[in-house]
PDB file of N, CA and C in Angstrom:
ATOM      1  N   UNK A   1      49.675  79.306  52.963  1.00  0.00           N
ATOM      2  CA  UNK A   1      50.515  78.227  52.459  1.00  0.00           C
ATOM      3  C   UNK A   1      50.821  77.269  53.634  1.00  0.00           C
ATOM      4  N   UNK A   2      51.274  76.123  53.274  1.00  0.00           N
ATOM      5  CA  UNK A   2      51.600  75.138  54.341  1.00  0.00           C
ATOM      6  C   UNK A   2      52.978  75.437  54.934  1.00  0.00           C
ATOM      7  N   UNK A   3      53.217  74.764  56.042  1.00  0.00           N
ATOM      8  CA  UNK A   3      54.503  74.893  56.745  1.00  0.00           C
ATOM      9  C   UNK A   3      55.659  74.468  55.771  1.00  0.00           C
ATOM     10  N   UNK A   4      55.450  73.348  55.077  1.00  0.00           N
ATOM     11  CA  UNK A   4      56.448  72.849  54.160  1.00  0.00           C
ATOM     12  C   UNK A   4      56.688  73.823  53.034  1.00  0.00           C
ATOM     13  N   UNK A   5      55.662  74.427  52.483  1.00  0.00           N
ATOM     14  CA  UNK A   5      55.789  75.431  51.428  1.00  0.00           C
ATOM     15  C   UNK A   5      56.549  76.671  51.989  1.00  0.00           C
ATOM     16  N   UNK A   6      56.241  77.076  53.187  1.00  0.00           N
ATOM     17  CA  UNK A   6      56.884  78.252  53.793  1.00  0.00           C
ATOM     18  C   UNK A   6      58.405  77.975  53.978  1.00  0.00           C
ATOM     19  N   UNK A   7      58.755  76.792  54.417  1.00  0.00           N
ATOM     20  CA  UNK A   7      60.135  76.419  54.563  1.00  0.00           C
ATOM     21  C   UNK A   7      60.834  76.421  53.215  1.00  0.00           C
ATOM     22  N   UNK A   8      60.234  75.815  52.226  1.00  0.00           N
ATOM     23  CA  UNK A   8      60.856  75.806  50.880  1.00  0.00           C
ATOM     24  C   UNK A   8      61.037  77.212  50.308  1.00  0.00           C
ATOM     25  N   UNK A   9      60.046  78.056  50.504  1.00  0.00           N
ATOM     26  CA  UNK A   9      60.098  79.427  49.995  1.00  0.00           C
ATOM     27  C   UNK A   9      61.199  80.225  50.678  1.00  0.00           C
ATOM     28  N   UNK A  10      61.278  80.139  51.960  1.00  0.00           N
ATOM     29  CA  UNK A  10      62.269  80.920  52.695  1.00  0.00           C
ATOM     30  C   UNK A  10      63.727  80.444  52.412  1.00  0.00           C
ATOM     31  N   UNK A  11      63.832  79.178  52.086  1.00  0.00           N
ATOM     32  CA  UNK A  11      65.151  78.641  51.721  1.00  0.00           C
ATOM     33  C   UNK A  11      65.534  79.100  50.297  1.00  0.00           C
ATOM     34  N   UNK A  12      64.563  79.037  49.396  1.00  0.00           N
ATOM     35  CA  UNK A  12      64.891  79.325  47.992  1.00  0.00           C
ATOM     36  C   UNK A  12      64.925  80.815  47.669  1.00  0.00           C
ATOM     37  N   UNK A  13      64.263  81.627  48.481  1.00  0.00           N
ATOM     38  CA  UNK A  13      64.211  83.069  48.198  1.00  0.00           C
ATOM     39  C   UNK A  13      64.558  83.871  49.406  1.00  0.00           C
ATOM     40  N   UNK A  14      65.855  84.027  49.670  1.00  0.00           N
ATOM     41  CA  UNK A  14      66.284  84.852  50.789  1.00  0.00           C
ATOM     42  C   UNK A  14      65.660  86.209  50.765  1.00  0.00           C
ATOM     43  N   UNK A  15      65.455  86.819  51.902  1.00  0.00           N
ATOM     44  CA  UNK A  15      64.857  88.136  52.107  1.00  0.00           C
ATOM     45  C   UNK A  15      63.350  88.177  51.929  1.00  0.00           C
ATOM     46  N   UNK A  16      62.696  87.043  51.571  1.00  0.00           N
ATOM     47  CA  UNK A  16      61.248  87.015  51.538  1.00  0.00           C
ATOM     48  C   UNK A  16      60.784  86.880  52.989  1.00  0.00           C
ATOM     49  N   UNK A  17      59.909  87.769  53.373  1.00  0.00           N
ATOM     50  CA  UNK A  17      59.393  87.764  54.737  1.00  0.00           C
ATOM     51  C   UNK A  17      58.145  86.906  54.824  1.00  0.00           C
ATOM     52  N   UNK A  18      58.093  86.001  55.818  1.00  0.00           N
ATOM     53  CA  UNK A  18      56.935  85.144  56.019  1.00  0.00           C
ATOM     54  C   UNK A  18      56.417  85.342  57.421  1.00  0.00           C
ATOM     55  N   UNK A  19      55.142  85.041  57.542  1.00  0.00           N
ATOM     56  CA  UNK A  19      54.500  85.110  58.860  1.00  0.00           C
ATOM     57  C   UNK A  19      53.473  84.004  58.980  1.00  0.00           C
ATOM     58  N   UNK A  20      53.021  83.783  60.193  1.00  0.00           N
ATOM     59  CA  UNK A  20      51.964  82.828  60.458  1.00  0.00           C
ATOM     60  C   UNK A  20      50.820  83.547  61.113  1.00  0.00           C
ATOM     61  N   UNK A  21      49.633  83.044  60.979  1.00  0.00           N
ATOM     62  CA  UNK A  21      48.474  83.728  61.538  1.00  0.00           C
ATOM     63  C   UNK A  21      48.526  83.841  63.045  1.00  0.00           C
ATOM     64  N   UNK A  22      49.334  83.043  63.721  1.00  0.00           N
ATOM     65  CA  UNK A  22      49.480  83.123  65.166  1.00  0.00           C
ATOM     66  C   UNK A  22      50.523  84.181  65.608  1.00  0.00           C
ATOM     67  N   UNK A  23      51.273  84.738  64.650  1.00  0.00           N
ATOM     68  CA  UNK A  23      52.205  85.801  64.989  1.00  0.00           C
ATOM     69  C   UNK A  23      51.450  87.030  65.330  1.00  0.00           C
ATOM     70  N   UNK A  24      52.006  87.885  66.154  1.00  0.00           N
ATOM     71  CA  UNK A  24      51.440  89.159  66.469  1.00  0.00           C
ATOM     72  C   UNK A  24      51.526  90.085  65.295  1.00  0.00           C
ATOM     73  N   UNK A  25      50.785  91.178  65.357  1.00  0.00           N
ATOM     74  CA  UNK A  25      50.840  92.197  64.317  1.00  0.00           C
ATOM     75  C   UNK A  25      52.265  92.645  64.095  1.00  0.00           C
ATOM     76  N   UNK A  26      52.702  92.620  62.841  1.00  0.00           N
ATOM     77  CA  UNK A  26      54.046  93.099  62.494  1.00  0.00           C
ATOM     78  C   UNK A  26      55.136  92.060  62.681  1.00  0.00           C
ATOM     79  N   UNK A  27      54.816  90.866  63.177  1.00  0.00           N
ATOM     80  CA  UNK A  27      55.860  89.808  63.369  1.00  0.00           C
ATOM     81  C   UNK A  27      56.087  89.072  62.046  1.00  0.00           C
ATOM     82  N   UNK A  28      57.321  88.797  61.726  1.00  0.00           N
ATOM     83  CA  UNK A  28      57.697  88.050  60.569  1.00  0.00           C
ATOM     84  C   UNK A  28      59.084  87.529  60.720  1.00  0.00           C
ATOM     85  N   UNK A  29      59.488  86.644  59.869  1.00  0.00           N
ATOM     86  CA  UNK A  29      60.898  86.151  59.837  1.00  0.00           C
ATOM     87  C   UNK A  29      61.320  86.073  58.363  1.00  0.00           C
ATOM     88  N   UNK A  30      62.644  86.153  58.192  1.00  0.00           N
ATOM     89  CA  UNK A  30      63.229  85.955  56.875  1.00  0.00           C
ATOM     90  C   UNK A  30      64.665  85.515  57.057  1.00  0.00           C
ATOM     91  N   UNK A  31      65.273  85.064  55.977  1.00  0.00           N
ATOM     92  CA  UNK A  31      66.667  84.670  56.035  1.00  0.00           C
ATOM     93  C   UNK A  31      67.433  85.456  54.955  1.00  0.00           C
ATOM     94  N   UNK A  32      68.648  85.754  55.209  1.00  0.00           N
ATOM     95  CA  UNK A  32      69.452  86.417  54.206  1.00  0.00           C
ATOM     96  C   UNK A  32      70.474  85.425  53.657  1.00  0.00           C
ATOM     97  N   UNK A  33      70.174  84.134  53.825  1.00  0.00           N
ATOM     98  CA  UNK A  33      71.016  83.091  53.252  1.00  0.00           C
ATOM     99  C   UNK A  33      72.135  82.628  54.174  1.00  0.00           C
ATOM    100  N   UNK A  34      72.109  83.041  55.425  1.00  0.00           N
ATOM    101  CA  UNK A  34      73.176  82.741  56.350  1.00  0.00           C
ATOM    102  C   UNK A  34      72.853  81.521  57.242  1.00  0.00           C
ATOM    103  N   UNK A  35      71.751  80.820  56.962  1.00  0.00           N
ATOM    104  CA  UNK A  35      71.363  79.665  57.732  1.00  0.00           C
ATOM    105  C   UNK A  35      70.605  79.933  58.991  1.00  0.00           C
ATOM    106  N   UNK A  36      70.249  81.199  59.228  1.00  0.00           N
ATOM    107  CA  UNK A  36      69.447  81.582  60.376  1.00  0.00           C
ATOM    108  C   UNK A  36      68.303  82.424  59.931  1.00  0.00           C
ATOM    109  N   UNK A  37      67.299  82.522  60.771  1.00  0.00           N
ATOM    110  CA  UNK A  37      66.153  83.402  60.494  1.00  0.00           C
ATOM    111  C   UNK A  37      66.309  84.668  61.276  1.00  0.00           C
ATOM    112  N   UNK A  38      65.884  85.775  60.689  1.00  0.00           N
ATOM    113  CA  UNK A  38      65.980  87.044  61.365  1.00  0.00           C
ATOM    114  C   UNK A  38      64.540  87.555  61.528  1.00  0.00           C
ATOM    115  N   UNK A  39      64.225  88.024  62.763  1.00  0.00           N
ATOM    116  CA  UNK A  39      62.854  88.493  63.002  1.00  0.00           C
ATOM    117  C   UNK A  39      62.839  90.008  62.808  1.00  0.00           C
ATOM    118  N   UNK A  40      61.667  90.588  62.974  1.00  0.00           N
ATOM    119  CA  UNK A  40      61.471  92.015  62.737  1.00  0.00           C
ATOM    120  C   UNK A  40      62.275  92.909  63.686  1.00  0.00           C
ATOM    121  N   UNK A  41      62.725  92.341  64.805  1.00  0.00           N
ATOM    122  CA  UNK A  41      63.532  93.080  65.776  1.00  0.00           C
ATOM    123  C   UNK A  41      65.045  92.930  65.505  1.00  0.00           C
ATOM    124  N   UNK A  42      65.379  92.171  64.486  1.00  0.00           N
ATOM    125  CA  UNK A  42      66.829  91.961  64.149  1.00  0.00           C
ATOM    126  C   UNK A  42      67.445  90.815  64.905  1.00  0.00           C
ATOM    127  N   UNK A  43      66.681  90.033  65.594  1.00  0.00           N
ATOM    128  CA  UNK A  43      67.242  88.882  66.332  1.00  0.00           C
ATOM    129  C   UNK A  43      67.364  87.707  65.403  1.00  0.00           C
ATOM    130  N   UNK A  44      68.505  87.009  65.501  1.00  0.00           N
ATOM    131  CA  UNK A  44      68.750  85.807  64.696  1.00  0.00           C
ATOM    132  C   UNK A  44      68.294  84.573  65.453  1.00  0.00           C
ATOM    133  N   UNK A  45      67.594  83.696  64.767  1.00  0.00           N
ATOM    134  CA  UNK A  45      67.112  82.436  65.312  1.00  0.00           C
ATOM    135  C   UNK A  45      67.641  81.271  64.495  1.00  0.00           C
ATOM    136  N   UNK A  46      68.128  80.205  65.113  1.00  0.00           N
ATOM    137  CA  UNK A  46      68.548  79.083  64.341  1.00  0.00           C
ATOM    138  C   UNK A  46      67.383  78.531  63.534  1.00  0.00           C
ATOM    139  N   UNK A  47      67.589  78.362  62.240  1.00  0.00           N
ATOM    140  CA  UNK A  47      66.552  77.940  61.324  1.00  0.00           C
ATOM    141  C   UNK A  47      65.856  76.669  61.794  1.00  0.00           C
ATOM    142  N   UNK A  48      66.639  75.629  62.035  1.00  0.00           N
ATOM    143  CA  UNK A  48      66.045  74.336  62.473  1.00  0.00           C
ATOM    144  C   UNK A  48      65.280  74.471  63.751  1.00  0.00           C
ATOM    145  N   UNK A  49      65.818  75.210  64.702  1.00  0.00           N
ATOM    146  CA  UNK A  49      65.172  75.351  66.011  1.00  0.00           C
ATOM    147  C   UNK A  49      63.818  76.094  65.837  1.00  0.00           C
ATOM    148  N   UNK A  50      63.825  77.115  64.997  1.00  0.00           N
ATOM    149  CA  UNK A  50      62.579  77.870  64.777  1.00  0.00           C
ATOM    150  C   UNK A  50      61.459  76.970  64.305  1.00  0.00           C
ATOM    151  N   UNK A  51      61.740  76.138  63.298  1.00  0.00           N
ATOM    152  CA  UNK A  51      60.696  75.294  62.756  1.00  0.00           C
ATOM    153  C   UNK A  51      60.483  74.005  63.585  1.00  0.00           C
ATOM    154  N   UNK A  52      61.463  73.553  64.321  1.00  0.00           N
ATOM    155  CA  UNK A  52      61.285  72.387  65.162  1.00  0.00           C
ATOM    156  C   UNK A  52      60.269  72.621  66.262  1.00  0.00           C
ATOM    157  N   UNK A  53      60.244  73.820  66.807  1.00  0.00           N
ATOM    158  CA  UNK A  53      59.293  74.123  67.894  1.00  0.00           C
ATOM    159  C   UNK A  53      57.924  74.580  67.371  1.00  0.00           C
ATOM    160  N   UNK A  54      57.827  74.739  66.078  1.00  0.00           N
ATOM    161  CA  UNK A  54      56.530  75.078  65.432  1.00  0.00           C
ATOM    162  C   UNK A  54      56.065  73.943  64.592  1.00  0.00           C
ATOM    163  N   UNK A  55      55.783  72.808  65.262  1.00  0.00           N
ATOM    164  CA  UNK A  55      55.229  71.625  64.605  1.00  0.00           C
ATOM    165  C   UNK A  55      53.867  71.299  65.182  1.00  0.00           C
ATOM    166  N   UNK A  56      53.165  70.481  64.460  1.00  0.00           N
ATOM    167  CA  UNK A  56      51.832  70.078  64.934  1.00  0.00           C
ATOM    168  C   UNK A  56      50.768  70.746  64.064  1.00  0.00           C
ATOM    169  N   UNK A  57      49.561  70.384  64.314  1.00  0.00           N
ATOM    170  CA  UNK A  57      48.442  70.777  63.462  1.00  0.00           C
ATOM    171  C   UNK A  57      48.249  72.335  63.418  1.00  0.00           C
ATOM    172  N   UNK A  58      48.547  73.025  64.482  1.00  0.00           N
ATOM    173  CA  UNK A  58      48.377  74.480  64.488  1.00  0.00           C
ATOM    174  C   UNK A  58      49.323  75.163  63.531  1.00  0.00           C
ATOM    175  N   UNK A  59      50.468  74.592  63.311  1.00  0.00           N
ATOM    176  CA  UNK A  59      51.516  75.212  62.462  1.00  0.00           C
ATOM    177  C   UNK A  59      51.587  74.677  61.066  1.00  0.00           C
ATOM    178  N   UNK A  60      50.771  73.735  60.683  1.00  0.00           N
ATOM    179  CA  UNK A  60      50.830  73.092  59.352  1.00  0.00           C
ATOM    180  C   UNK A  60      50.343  73.977  58.226  1.00  0.00           C
ATOM    181  N   UNK A  61      49.463  74.924  58.508  1.00  0.00           N
ATOM    182  CA  UNK A  61      48.881  75.771  57.500  1.00  0.00           C
ATOM    183  C   UNK A  61      48.873  77.243  57.995  1.00  0.00           C
ATOM    184  N   UNK A  62      48.404  78.104  57.133  1.00  0.00           N
ATOM    185  CA  UNK A  62      48.215  79.522  57.494  1.00  0.00           C
ATOM    186  C   UNK A  62      49.494  80.302  57.538  1.00  0.00           C
ATOM    187  N   UNK A  63      50.495  80.000  56.756  1.00  0.00           N
ATOM    188  CA  UNK A  63      51.705  80.786  56.532  1.00  0.00           C
ATOM    189  C   UNK A  63      51.422  81.689  55.343  1.00  0.00           C
ATOM    190  N   UNK A  64      52.022  82.890  55.371  1.00  0.00           N
ATOM    191  CA  UNK A  64      51.863  83.822  54.221  1.00  0.00           C
ATOM    192  C   UNK A  64      53.137  84.660  54.066  1.00  0.00           C
ATOM    193  N   UNK A  65      53.197  85.219  52.904  1.00  0.00           N
ATOM    194  CA  UNK A  65      54.309  86.142  52.535  1.00  0.00           C
ATOM    195  C   UNK A  65      53.856  87.543  52.835  1.00  0.00           C
ATOM    196  N   UNK A  66      54.734  88.338  53.420  1.00  0.00           N
ATOM    197  CA  UNK A  66      54.470  89.784  53.622  1.00  0.00           C
ATOM    198  C   UNK A  66      54.970  90.496  52.410  1.00  0.00           C
ATOM    199  N   UNK A  67      54.126  91.288  51.821  1.00  0.00           N
ATOM    200  CA  UNK A  67      54.493  92.065  50.628  1.00  0.00           C
ATOM    201  C   UNK A  67      55.192  93.323  51.029  1.00  0.00           C
TER     202      UNK A  67
END
């Protein structure tokens, strides 16, 4: 999915885990509706900051949901 689709999904469906193809094995982020993203290690990241630094052609596609 696209970056825009990933952002929309993670906002509309808290607890859905998403990843990008550039993430390492087992890496993902999700939100529990608190305005921050949580990674697989339990670290909270500011939502806007996370996506602000992941812009450009490399980050526009290849997002997916972890089942």
